[in-house]
Amino acid sequence: MNTLSSHVLDTTLGKPAQGIALTLTLPDGSTLSGETDNDGRFNNWGVEDGFAAGVYTLRFHCKPYLVETHGKSFYPHIDITFELDENGGHYHVPLLISPFGFSSYRGS
């Protein structure tokens, strides 16, 4: 069974990014949504049987947070597209953001 979590960190402040809306697009085109908690994390997609293998896109709606926190945002949103394997286990997609840069990787 595949599970999915995310964590957003504001590298300018060195703190978690709370309140960032997330949209996950599934391989069939349907979407799920959520919002990062006070520790910048989200993992409650409401999927009881886990995620099927396939290509997913996780959109981080970061502009409202970056404008409120830093006064500017070069990115209205950040999309990270990744592929889940059959029975790949837990997938963690962290995002490091600042008003003018971002980075991501497969976490644990």
PDB file of N, CA and C in Angstrom:
ATOM      1  N   MET A   1       0.853  -1.186   0.000  1.00  0.00           N
ATOM      2  CA  MET A   1       0.000   0.000   0.000  1.00  0.00           C
ATOM      3  C   MET A   1       0.895   1.244   0.000  1.00  0.00           C
ATOM      4  N   ASN A   2       0.528   2.208  -0.812  1.00  0.00           N
ATOM      5  CA  ASN A   2       1.250   3.476  -0.884  1.00  0.00           C
ATOM      6  C   ASN A   2       0.565   4.536  -0.025  1.00  0.00           C
ATOM      7  N   THR A   3       1.373   5.269   0.736  1.00  0.00           N
ATOM      8  CA  THR A   3       0.884   6.416   1.489  1.00  0.00           C
ATOM      9  C   THR A   3       1.684   7.641   1.063  1.00  0.00           C
ATOM     10  N   LEU A   4       1.138   8.821   1.339  1.00  0.00           N
ATOM     11  CA  LEU A   4       1.756  10.059   0.868  1.00  0.00           C
ATOM     12  C   LEU A   4       1.651  11.147   1.935  1.00  0.00           C
ATOM     13  N   SER A   5       2.768  11.830   2.155  1.00  0.00           N
ATOM     14  CA  SER A   5       2.787  12.973   3.061  1.00  0.00           C
ATOM     15  C   SER A   5       3.634  14.080   2.450  1.00  0.00           C
ATOM     16  N   SER A   6       3.500  15.273   3.023  1.00  0.00           N
ATOM     17  CA  SER A   6       4.279  16.411   2.554  1.00  0.00           C
ATOM     18  C   SER A   6       4.642  17.301   3.740  1.00  0.00           C
ATOM     19  N   HIS A   7       5.670  18.110   3.531  1.00  0.00           N
ATOM     20  CA  HIS A   7       6.144  19.032   4.556  1.00  0.00           C
ATOM     21  C   HIS A   7       6.699  20.248   3.837  1.00  0.00           C
ATOM     22  N   VAL A   8       6.255  21.450   4.208  1.00  0.00           N
ATOM     23  CA  VAL A   8       6.726  22.678   3.563  1.00  0.00           C
ATOM     24  C   VAL A   8       7.487  23.506   4.593  1.00  0.00           C
ATOM     25  N   LEU A   9       8.716  23.865   4.225  1.00  0.00           N
ATOM     26  CA  LEU A   9       9.561  24.684   5.088  1.00  0.00           C
ATOM     27  C   LEU A   9       9.913  25.987   4.389  1.00  0.00           C
ATOM     28  N   ASP A  10       9.817  27.074   5.117  1.00  0.00           N
ATOM     29  CA  ASP A  10      10.184  28.399   4.626  1.00  0.00           C
ATOM     30  C   ASP A  10      11.670  28.582   4.924  1.00  0.00           C
ATOM     31  N   THR A  11      12.502  28.518   3.891  1.00  0.00           N
ATOM     32  CA  THR A  11      13.948  28.589   4.110  1.00  0.00           C
ATOM     33  C   THR A  11      14.423  29.990   4.474  1.00  0.00           C
ATOM     34  N   THR A  12      13.651  31.011   4.151  1.00  0.00           N
ATOM     35  CA  THR A  12      14.020  32.372   4.528  1.00  0.00           C
ATOM     36  C   THR A  12      13.909  32.557   6.037  1.00  0.00           C
ATOM     37  N   LEU A  13      12.841  32.032   6.611  1.00  0.00           N
ATOM     38  CA  LEU A  13      12.623  32.159   8.058  1.00  0.00           C
ATOM     39  C   LEU A  13      13.198  30.992   8.848  1.00  0.00           C
ATOM     40  N   GLY A  14      13.461  29.880   8.156  1.00  0.00           N
ATOM     41  CA  GLY A  14      13.904  28.686   8.861  1.00  0.00           C
ATOM     42  C   GLY A  14      12.803  28.065   9.700  1.00  0.00           C
ATOM     43  N   LYS A  15      11.548  28.179   9.206  1.00  0.00           N
ATOM     44  CA  LYS A  15      10.388  27.696   9.953  1.00  0.00           C
ATOM     45  C   LYS A  15       9.444  26.938   9.036  1.00  0.00           C
ATOM     46  N   PRO A  16       8.554  26.132   9.619  1.00  0.00           N
ATOM     47  CA  PRO A  16       7.510  25.477   8.824  1.00  0.00           C
ATOM     48  C   PRO A  16       6.567  26.516   8.209  1.00  0.00           C
ATOM     49  N   ALA A  17       6.024  26.191   7.048  1.00  0.00           N
ATOM     50  CA  ALA A  17       5.071  27.066   6.362  1.00  0.00           C
ATOM     51  C   ALA A  17       3.651  26.562   6.621  1.00  0.00           C
ATOM     52  N   GLN A  18       2.956  27.246   7.495  1.00  0.00           N
ATOM     53  CA  GLN A  18       1.599  26.876   7.887  1.00  0.00           C
ATOM     54  C   GLN A  18       0.580  27.480   6.932  1.00  0.00           C
ATOM     55  N   GLY A  19      -0.487  26.723   6.642  1.00  0.00           N
ATOM     56  CA  GLY A  19      -1.627  27.253   5.904  1.00  0.00           C
ATOM     57  C   GLY A  19      -1.468  27.267   4.396  1.00  0.00           C
ATOM     58  N   ILE A  20      -0.566  26.473   3.852  1.00  0.00           N
ATOM     59  CA  ILE A  20      -0.424  26.400   2.392  1.00  0.00           C
ATOM     60  C   ILE A  20      -1.405  25.367   1.863  1.00  0.00           C
ATOM     61  N   ALA A  21      -2.267  25.800   0.952  1.00  0.00           N
ATOM     62  CA  ALA A  21      -3.238  24.897   0.338  1.00  0.00           C
ATOM     63  C   ALA A  21      -2.516  23.958  -0.620  1.00  0.00           C
ATOM     64  N   LEU A  22      -2.970  22.695  -0.640  1.00  0.00           N
ATOM     65  CA  LEU A  22      -2.396  21.667  -1.501  1.00  0.00           C
ATOM     66  C   LEU A  22      -3.495  21.056  -2.359  1.00  0.00           C
ATOM     67  N   THR A  23      -3.163  20.767  -3.604  1.00  0.00           N
ATOM     68  CA  THR A  23      -4.067  20.032  -4.477  1.00  0.00           C
ATOM     69  C   THR A  23      -3.291  18.877  -5.083  1.00  0.00           C
ATOM     70  N   LEU A  24      -3.786  17.656  -4.885  1.00  0.00           N
ATOM     71  CA  LEU A  24      -3.163  16.470  -5.441  1.00  0.00           C
ATOM     72  C   LEU A  24      -4.008  15.977  -6.608  1.00  0.00           C
ATOM     73  N   THR A  25      -3.402  15.913  -7.791  1.00  0.00           N
ATOM     74  CA  THR A  25      -4.089  15.374  -8.963  1.00  0.00           C
ATOM     75  C   THR A  25      -3.684  13.913  -9.129  1.00  0.00           C
ATOM     76  N   LEU A  26      -4.677  13.037  -9.131  1.00  0.00           N
ATOM     77  CA  LEU A  26      -4.457  11.604  -9.235  1.00  0.00           C
ATOM     78  C   LEU A  26      -4.326  11.184 -10.699  1.00  0.00           C
ATOM     79  N   PRO A  27      -3.839   9.973 -10.947  1.00  0.00           N
ATOM     80  CA  PRO A  27      -3.665   9.520 -12.329  1.00  0.00           C
ATOM     81  C   PRO A  27      -4.940   9.582 -13.183  1.00  0.00           C
ATOM     82  N   ASP A  28      -6.106   9.438 -12.551  1.00  0.00           N
ATOM     83  CA  ASP A  28      -7.358   9.490 -13.315  1.00  0.00           C
ATOM     84  C   ASP A  28      -7.873  10.913 -13.528  1.00  0.00           C
ATOM     85  N   GLY A  29      -7.131  11.914 -13.049  1.00  0.00           N
ATOM     86  CA  GLY A  29      -7.530  13.310 -13.225  1.00  0.00           C
ATOM     87  C   GLY A  29      -8.331  13.887 -12.069  1.00  0.00           C
ATOM     88  N   SER A  30      -8.789  13.051 -11.154  1.00  0.00           N
ATOM     89  CA  SER A  30      -9.522  13.566  -9.994  1.00  0.00           C
ATOM     90  C   SER A  30      -8.537  14.237  -9.041  1.00  0.00           C
ATOM     91  N   THR A  31      -9.065  15.033  -8.113  1.00  0.00           N
ATOM     92  CA  THR A  31      -8.196  15.779  -7.203  1.00  0.00           C
ATOM     93  C   THR A  31      -8.612  15.592  -5.754  1.00  0.00           C
ATOM     94  N   LEU A  32      -7.630  15.756  -4.885  1.00  0.00           N
ATOM     95  CA  LEU A  32      -7.827  15.798  -3.436  1.00  0.00           C
ATOM     96  C   LEU A  32      -7.174  17.080  -2.950  1.00  0.00           C
ATOM     97  N   SER A  33      -7.610  17.584  -1.809  1.00  0.00           N
ATOM     98  CA  SER A  33      -7.018  18.838  -1.329  1.00  0.00           C
ATOM     99  C   SER A  33      -6.791  18.791   0.174  1.00  0.00           C
ATOM    100  N   GLY A  34      -5.953  19.709   0.618  1.00  0.00           N
ATOM    101  CA  GLY A  34      -5.652  19.828   2.031  1.00  0.00           C
ATOM    102  C   GLY A  34      -4.900  21.112   2.296  1.00  0.00           C
ATOM    103  N   GLU A  35      -4.410  21.263   3.509  1.00  0.00           N
ATOM    104  CA  GLU A  35      -3.682  22.461   3.907  1.00  0.00           C
ATOM    105  C   GLU A  35      -2.651  22.086   4.968  1.00  0.00           C
ATOM    106  N   THR A  36      -1.463  22.672   4.868  1.00  0.00           N
ATOM    107  CA  THR A  36      -0.420  22.365   5.837  1.00  0.00           C
ATOM    108  C   THR A  36      -0.811  22.846   7.227  1.00  0.00           C
ATOM    109  N   ASP A  37      -0.427  22.049   8.221  1.00  0.00           N
ATOM    110  CA  ASP A  37      -0.739  22.384   9.608  1.00  0.00           C
ATOM    111  C   ASP A  37       0.300  23.343  10.185  1.00  0.00           C
ATOM    112  N   ASN A  38       0.264  23.559  11.489  1.00  0.00           N
ATOM    113  CA  ASN A  38       1.173  24.535  12.105  1.00  0.00           C
ATOM    114  C   ASN A  38       2.635  24.096  12.075  1.00  0.00           C
ATOM    115  N   ASP A  39       2.890  22.826  11.736  1.00  0.00           N
ATOM    116  CA  ASP A  39       4.250  22.342  11.561  1.00  0.00           C
ATOM    117  C   ASP A  39       4.607  22.220  10.078  1.00  0.00           C
ATOM    118  N   GLY A  40       3.759  22.768   9.197  1.00  0.00           N
ATOM    119  CA  GLY A  40       4.012  22.736   7.760  1.00  0.00           C
ATOM    120  C   GLY A  40       3.767  21.385   7.119  1.00  0.00           C
ATOM    121  N   ARG A  41       3.079  20.490   7.819  1.00  0.00           N
ATOM    122  CA  ARG A  41       2.891  19.117   7.332  1.00  0.00           C
ATOM    123  C   ARG A  41       1.455  18.846   6.905  1.00  0.00           C
ATOM    124  N   PHE A  42       1.322  17.850   6.004  1.00  0.00           N
ATOM    125  CA  PHE A  42      -0.007  17.357   5.637  1.00  0.00           C
ATOM    126  C   PHE A  42       0.116  15.899   5.214  1.00  0.00           C
ATOM    127  N   ASN A  43      -0.794  15.062   5.730  1.00  0.00           N
ATOM    128  CA  ASN A  43      -0.831  13.658   5.323  1.00  0.00           C
ATOM    129  C   ASN A  43      -2.223  13.056   5.374  1.00  0.00           C
ATOM    130  N   ASN A  44      -3.229  13.861   5.588  1.00  0.00           N
ATOM    131  CA  ASN A  44      -4.592  13.361   5.756  1.00  0.00           C
ATOM    132  C   ASN A  44      -5.395  13.496   4.461  1.00  0.00           C
ATOM    133  N   TRP A  45      -5.047  12.699   3.471  1.00  0.00           N
ATOM    134  CA  TRP A  45      -5.706  12.772   2.160  1.00  0.00           C
ATOM    135  C   TRP A  45      -7.077  12.102   2.155  1.00  0.00           C
ATOM    136  N   GLY A  46      -7.417  11.366   3.192  1.00  0.00           N
ATOM    137  CA  GLY A  46      -8.709  10.693   3.251  1.00  0.00           C
ATOM    138  C   GLY A  46      -8.794   9.464   2.361  1.00  0.00           C
ATOM    139  N   VAL A  47      -7.650   8.876   2.053  1.00  0.00           N
ATOM    140  CA  VAL A  47      -7.601   7.682   1.205  1.00  0.00           C
ATOM    141  C   VAL A  47      -7.315   6.485   2.104  1.00  0.00           C
ATOM    142  N   GLU A  48      -8.323   5.659   2.332  1.00  0.00           N
ATOM    143  CA  GLU A  48      -8.187   4.548   3.267  1.00  0.00           C
ATOM    144  C   GLU A  48      -7.381   3.385   2.714  1.00  0.00           C
ATOM    145  N   ASP A  49      -7.480   3.120   1.426  1.00  0.00           N
ATOM    146  CA  ASP A  49      -6.811   1.970   0.824  1.00  0.00           C
ATOM    147  C   ASP A  49      -5.468   2.314   0.216  1.00  0.00           C
ATOM    148  N   GLY A  50      -4.963   3.501   0.470  1.00  0.00           N
ATOM    149  CA  GLY A  50      -3.684   3.915  -0.086  1.00  0.00           C
ATOM    150  C   GLY A  50      -3.821   4.392  -1.524  1.00  0.00           C
ATOM    151  N   PHE A  51      -2.689   4.760  -2.089  1.00  0.00           N
ATOM    152  CA  PHE A  51      -2.652   5.303  -3.442  1.00  0.00           C
ATOM    153  C   PHE A  51      -2.180   4.249  -4.428  1.00  0.00           C
ATOM    154  N   ALA A  52      -2.838   4.187  -5.571  1.00  0.00           N
ATOM    155  CA  ALA A  52      -2.455   3.256  -6.632  1.00  0.00           C
ATOM    156  C   ALA A  52      -1.174   3.732  -7.310  1.00  0.00           C
ATOM    157  N   ALA A  53      -0.505   2.825  -7.967  1.00  0.00           N
ATOM    158  CA  ALA A  53       0.665   3.198  -8.759  1.00  0.00           C
ATOM    159  C   ALA A  53       0.223   4.158  -9.856  1.00  0.00           C
ATOM    160  N   GLY A  54       1.110   5.076 -10.232  1.00  0.00           N
ATOM    161  CA  GLY A  54       0.800   6.015 -11.300  1.00  0.00           C
ATOM    162  C   GLY A  54       1.486   7.345 -11.101  1.00  0.00           C
ATOM    163  N   VAL A  55       1.195   8.255 -12.017  1.00  0.00           N
ATOM    164  CA  VAL A  55       1.797   9.585 -12.005  1.00  0.00           C
ATOM    165  C   VAL A  55       0.830  10.559 -11.325  1.00  0.00           C
ATOM    166  N   TYR A  56       1.357  11.299 -10.355  1.00  0.00           N
ATOM    167  CA  TYR A  56       0.598  12.252  -9.554  1.00  0.00           C
ATOM    168  C   TYR A  56       1.241  13.631  -9.673  1.00  0.00           C
ATOM    169  N   THR A  57       0.429  14.672  -9.488  1.00  0.00           N
ATOM    170  CA  THR A  57       0.964  16.032  -9.404  1.00  0.00           C
ATOM    171  C   THR A  57       0.467  16.664  -8.121  1.00  0.00           C
ATOM    172  N   LEU A  58       1.414  17.152  -7.333  1.00  0.00           N
ATOM    173  CA  LEU A  58       1.087  17.835  -6.087  1.00  0.00           C
ATOM    174  C   LEU A  58       1.341  19.321  -6.291  1.00  0.00           C
ATOM    175  N   ARG A  59       0.266  20.106  -6.226  1.00  0.00           N
ATOM    176  CA  ARG A  59       0.363  21.560  -6.399  1.00  0.00           C
ATOM    177  C   ARG A  59       0.344  22.234  -5.030  1.00  0.00           C
ATOM    178  N   PHE A  60       1.356  23.051  -4.807  1.00  0.00           N
ATOM    179  CA  PHE A  60       1.465  23.850  -3.602  1.00  0.00           C
ATOM    180  C   PHE A  60       1.044  25.275  -3.966  1.00  0.00           C
ATOM    181  N   HIS A  61      -0.055  25.755  -3.398  1.00  0.00           N
ATOM    182  CA  HIS A  61      -0.561  27.100  -3.669  1.00  0.00           C
ATOM    183  C   HIS A  61       0.158  28.060  -2.716  1.00  0.00           C
ATOM    184  N   CYS A  62       1.379  28.431  -3.066  1.00  0.00           N
ATOM    185  CA  CYS A  62       2.273  29.126  -2.135  1.00  0.00           C
ATOM    186  C   CYS A  62       2.188  30.651  -2.175  1.00  0.00           C
ATOM    187  N   LYS A  63       1.603  31.222  -3.206  1.00  0.00           N
ATOM    188  CA  LYS A  63       1.614  32.682  -3.324  1.00  0.00           C
ATOM    189  C   LYS A  63       0.980  33.389  -2.124  1.00  0.00           C
ATOM    190  N   PRO A  64      -0.213  33.008  -1.675  1.00  0.00           N
ATOM    191  CA  PRO A  64      -0.791  33.727  -0.531  1.00  0.00           C
ATOM    192  C   PRO A  64       0.126  33.716   0.697  1.00  0.00           C
ATOM    193  N   TYR A  65       0.717  32.566   0.970  1.00  0.00           N
ATOM    194  CA  TYR A  65       1.629  32.480   2.121  1.00  0.00           C
ATOM    195  C   TYR A  65       2.851  33.375   1.920  1.00  0.00           C
ATOM    196  N   LEU A  66       3.486  33.293   0.761  1.00  0.00           N
ATOM    197  CA  LEU A  66       4.711  34.057   0.519  1.00  0.00           C
ATOM    198  C   LEU A  66       4.458  35.563   0.510  1.00  0.00           C
ATOM    199  N   VAL A  67       3.348  35.991  -0.077  1.00  0.00           N
ATOM    200  CA  VAL A  67       3.037  37.423  -0.086  1.00  0.00           C
ATOM    201  C   VAL A  67       2.754  37.915   1.335  1.00  0.00           C
ATOM    202  N   GLU A  68       1.972  37.144   2.091  1.00  0.00           N
ATOM    203  CA  GLU A  68       1.655  37.551   3.468  1.00  0.00           C
ATOM    204  C   GLU A  68       2.906  37.569   4.346  1.00  0.00           C
ATOM    205  N   THR A  69       3.776  36.601   4.163  1.00  0.00           N
ATOM    206  CA  THR A  69       4.942  36.456   5.027  1.00  0.00           C
ATOM    207  C   THR A  69       6.126  37.310   4.597  1.00  0.00           C
ATOM    208  N   HIS A  70       6.324  37.432   3.258  1.00  0.00           N
ATOM    209  CA  HIS A  70       7.520  38.103   2.752  1.00  0.00           C
ATOM    210  C   HIS A  70       7.233  39.308   1.847  1.00  0.00           C
ATOM    211  N   GLY A  71       5.962  39.530   1.523  1.00  0.00           N
ATOM    212  CA  GLY A  71       5.607  40.679   0.698  1.00  0.00           C
ATOM    213  C   GLY A  71       5.723  40.445  -0.795  1.00  0.00           C
ATOM    214  N   LYS A  72       6.294  39.318  -1.208  1.00  0.00           N
ATOM    215  CA  LYS A  72       6.473  39.019  -2.633  1.00  0.00           C
ATOM    216  C   LYS A  72       6.443  37.519  -2.855  1.00  0.00           C
ATOM    217  N   SER A  73       6.101  37.143  -4.098  1.00  0.00           N
ATOM    218  CA  SER A  73       6.183  35.746  -4.512  1.00  0.00           C
ATOM    219  C   SER A  73       6.381  35.696  -6.016  1.00  0.00           C
ATOM    220  N   PHE A  74       7.447  35.085  -6.443  1.00  0.00           N
ATOM    221  CA  PHE A  74       7.690  34.875  -7.870  1.00  0.00           C
ATOM    222  C   PHE A  74       6.819  33.745  -8.398  1.00  0.00           C
ATOM    223  N   TYR A  75       6.422  32.840  -7.526  1.00  0.00           N
ATOM    224  CA  TYR A  75       5.669  31.643  -7.908  1.00  0.00           C
ATOM    225  C   TYR A  75       4.221  31.723  -7.428  1.00  0.00           C
ATOM    226  N   PRO A  76       3.246  31.704  -8.334  1.00  0.00           N
ATOM    227  CA  PRO A  76       1.851  31.645  -7.892  1.00  0.00           C
ATOM    228  C   PRO A  76       1.526  30.270  -7.302  1.00  0.00           C
ATOM    229  N   HIS A  77       2.181  29.239  -7.832  1.00  0.00           N
ATOM    230  CA  HIS A  77       2.062  27.881  -7.296  1.00  0.00           C
ATOM    231  C   HIS A  77       3.284  27.092  -7.753  1.00  0.00           C
ATOM    232  N   ILE A  78       3.501  25.973  -7.113  1.00  0.00           N
ATOM    233  CA  ILE A  78       4.602  25.086  -7.472  1.00  0.00           C
ATOM    234  C   ILE A  78       4.016  23.699  -7.663  1.00  0.00           C
ATOM    235  N   ASP A  79       4.237  23.119  -8.833  1.00  0.00           N
ATOM    236  CA  ASP A  79       3.774  21.766  -9.134  1.00  0.00           C
ATOM    237  C   ASP A  79       4.942  20.803  -9.082  1.00  0.00           C
ATOM    238  N   ILE A  80       4.751  19.700  -8.387  1.00  0.00           N
ATOM    239  CA  ILE A  80       5.739  18.636  -8.352  1.00  0.00           C
ATOM    240  C   ILE A  80       5.041  17.377  -8.851  1.00  0.00           C
ATOM    241  N   THR A  81       5.542  16.849  -9.955  1.00  0.00           N
ATOM    242  CA  THR A  81       4.976  15.649 -10.553  1.00  0.00           C
ATOM    243  C   THR A  81       5.914  14.482 -10.253  1.00  0.00           C
ATOM    244  N   PHE A  82       5.338  13.379  -9.806  1.00  0.00           N
ATOM    245  CA  PHE A  82       6.132  12.223  -9.388  1.00  0.00           C
ATOM    246  C   PHE A  82       5.356  10.953  -9.692  1.00  0.00           C
ATOM    247  N   GLU A  83       6.052   9.831  -9.622  1.00  0.00           N
ATOM    248  CA  GLU A  83       5.434   8.541  -9.932  1.00  0.00           C
ATOM    249  C   GLU A  83       5.528   7.613  -8.736  1.00  0.00           C
ATOM    250  N   LEU A  84       4.383   7.027  -8.378  1.00  0.00           N
ATOM    251  CA  LEU A  84       4.334   6.035  -7.317  1.00  0.00           C
ATOM    252  C   LEU A  84       4.397   4.646  -7.937  1.00  0.00           C
ATOM    253  N   ASP A  85       5.203   3.786  -7.350  1.00  0.00           N
ATOM    254  CA  ASP A  85       5.310   2.394  -7.792  1.00  0.00           C
ATOM    255  C   ASP A  85       4.242   1.547  -7.108  1.00  0.00           C
ATOM    256  N   GLU A  86       3.963   0.391  -7.678  1.00  0.00           N
ATOM    257  CA  GLU A  86       3.060  -0.567  -7.049  1.00  0.00           C
ATOM    258  C   GLU A  86       3.697  -1.028  -5.743  1.00  0.00           C
ATOM    259  N   ASN A  87       2.960  -0.916  -4.638  1.00  0.00           N
ATOM    260  CA  ASN A  87       3.458  -1.307  -3.318  1.00  0.00           C
ATOM    261  C   ASN A  87       4.799  -0.659  -2.990  1.00  0.00           C
ATOM    262  N   GLY A  88       4.913   0.627  -3.291  1.00  0.00           N
ATOM    263  CA  GLY A  88       6.161   1.366  -3.043  1.00  0.00           C
ATOM    264  C   GLY A  88       6.336   1.817  -1.615  1.00  0.00           C
ATOM    265  N   GLY A  89       5.300   1.685  -0.797  1.00  0.00           N
ATOM    266  CA  GLY A  89       5.401   2.076   0.602  1.00  0.00           C
ATOM    267  C   GLY A  89       5.039   3.528   0.830  1.00  0.00           C
ATOM    268  N   HIS A  90       5.786   4.157   1.714  1.00  0.00           N
ATOM    269  CA  HIS A  90       5.487   5.546   2.053  1.00  0.00           C
ATOM    270  C   HIS A  90       6.285   6.497   1.164  1.00  0.00           C
ATOM    271  N   TYR A  91       5.595   7.496   0.634  1.00  0.00           N
ATOM    272  CA  TYR A  91       6.223   8.549  -0.159  1.00  0.00           C
ATOM    273  C   TYR A  91       6.061   9.861   0.596  1.00  0.00           C
ATOM    274  N   HIS A  92       7.153  10.605   0.683  1.00  0.00           N
ATOM    275  CA  HIS A  92       7.135  11.900   1.365  1.00  0.00           C
ATOM    276  C   HIS A  92       7.693  12.931   0.397  1.00  0.00           C
ATOM    277  N   VAL A  93       6.926  14.011   0.164  1.00  0.00           N
ATOM    278  CA  VAL A  93       7.322  15.050  -0.792  1.00  0.00           C
ATOM    279  C   VAL A  93       7.505  16.363  -0.026  1.00  0.00           C
ATOM    280  N   PRO A  94       8.734  16.648   0.397  1.00  0.00           N
ATOM    281  CA  PRO A  94       9.008  17.911   1.075  1.00  0.00           C
ATOM    282  C   PRO A  94       9.208  19.040   0.058  1.00  0.00           C
ATOM    283  N   LEU A  95       8.891  20.245   0.478  1.00  0.00           N
ATOM    284  CA  LEU A  95       9.124  21.425  -0.353  1.00  0.00           C
ATOM    285  C   LEU A  95       9.792  22.486   0.507  1.00  0.00           C
ATOM    286  N   LEU A  96      10.907  23.005   0.023  1.00  0.00           N
ATOM    287  CA  LEU A  96      11.605  24.119   0.653  1.00  0.00           C
ATOM    288  C   LEU A  96      11.314  25.346  -0.195  1.00  0.00           C
ATOM    289  N   ILE A  97      10.768  26.398   0.405  1.00  0.00           N
ATOM    290  CA  ILE A  97      10.377  27.570  -0.375  1.00  0.00           C
ATOM    291  C   ILE A  97      10.980  28.850   0.187  1.00  0.00           C
ATOM    292  N   SER A  98      11.079  29.816  -0.708  1.00  0.00           N
ATOM    293  CA  SER A  98      11.385  31.206  -0.378  1.00  0.00           C
ATOM    294  C   SER A  98      10.668  32.027  -1.449  1.00  0.00           C
ATOM    295  N   PRO A  99      10.617  33.339  -1.335  1.00  0.00           N
ATOM    296  CA  PRO A  99       9.894  34.114  -2.337  1.00  0.00           C
ATOM    297  C   PRO A  99      10.430  33.947  -3.765  1.00  0.00           C
ATOM    298  N   PHE A 100      11.691  33.564  -3.910  1.00  0.00           N
ATOM    299  CA  PHE A 100      12.285  33.494  -5.249  1.00  0.00           C
ATOM    300  C   PHE A 100      12.978  32.175  -5.546  1.00  0.00           C
ATOM    301  N   GLY A 101      12.669  31.130  -4.790  1.00  0.00           N
ATOM    302  CA  GLY A 101      13.281  29.840  -5.049  1.00  0.00           C
ATOM    303  C   GLY A 101      12.553  28.709  -4.346  1.00  0.00           C
ATOM    304  N   PHE A 102      12.760  27.490  -4.857  1.00  0.00           N
ATOM    305  CA  PHE A 102      12.201  26.302  -4.202  1.00  0.00           C
ATOM    306  C   PHE A 102      13.050  25.099  -4.542  1.00  0.00           C
ATOM    307  N   SER A 103      12.892  24.060  -3.719  1.00  0.00           N
ATOM    308  CA  SER A 103      13.585  22.808  -3.915  1.00  0.00           C
ATOM    309  C   SER A 103      12.731  21.694  -3.339  1.00  0.00           C
ATOM    310  N   SER A 104      12.843  20.518  -3.932  1.00  0.00           N
ATOM    311  CA  SER A 104      12.122  19.354  -3.426  1.00  0.00           C
ATOM    312  C   SER A 104      12.960  18.102  -3.653  1.00  0.00           C
ATOM    313  N   TYR A 105      12.568  17.027  -2.979  1.00  0.00           N
ATOM    314  CA  TYR A 105      13.263  15.756  -3.097  1.00  0.00           C
ATOM    315  C   TYR A 105      12.333  14.683  -2.546  1.00  0.00           C
ATOM    316  N   ARG A 106      12.677  13.415  -2.762  1.00  0.00           N
ATOM    317  CA  ARG A 106      11.886  12.362  -2.144  1.00  0.00           C
ATOM    318  C   ARG A 106      12.404  12.155  -0.737  1.00  0.00           C
ATOM    319  N   GLY A 107      11.568  12.449   0.224  1.00  0.00           N
ATOM    320  CA  GLY A 107      11.953  12.300   1.613  1.00  0.00           C
ATOM    321  C   GLY A 107      11.584  10.926   2.143  1.00  0.00           C
ATOM    322  N   SER A 108      11.665  10.791   3.449  1.00  0.00           N
ATOM    323  CA  SER A 108      11.332   9.500   4.070  1.00  0.00           C
ATOM    324  C   SER A 108      10.293   9.688   5.159  1.00  0.00           C
TER     325      SER A 108
END
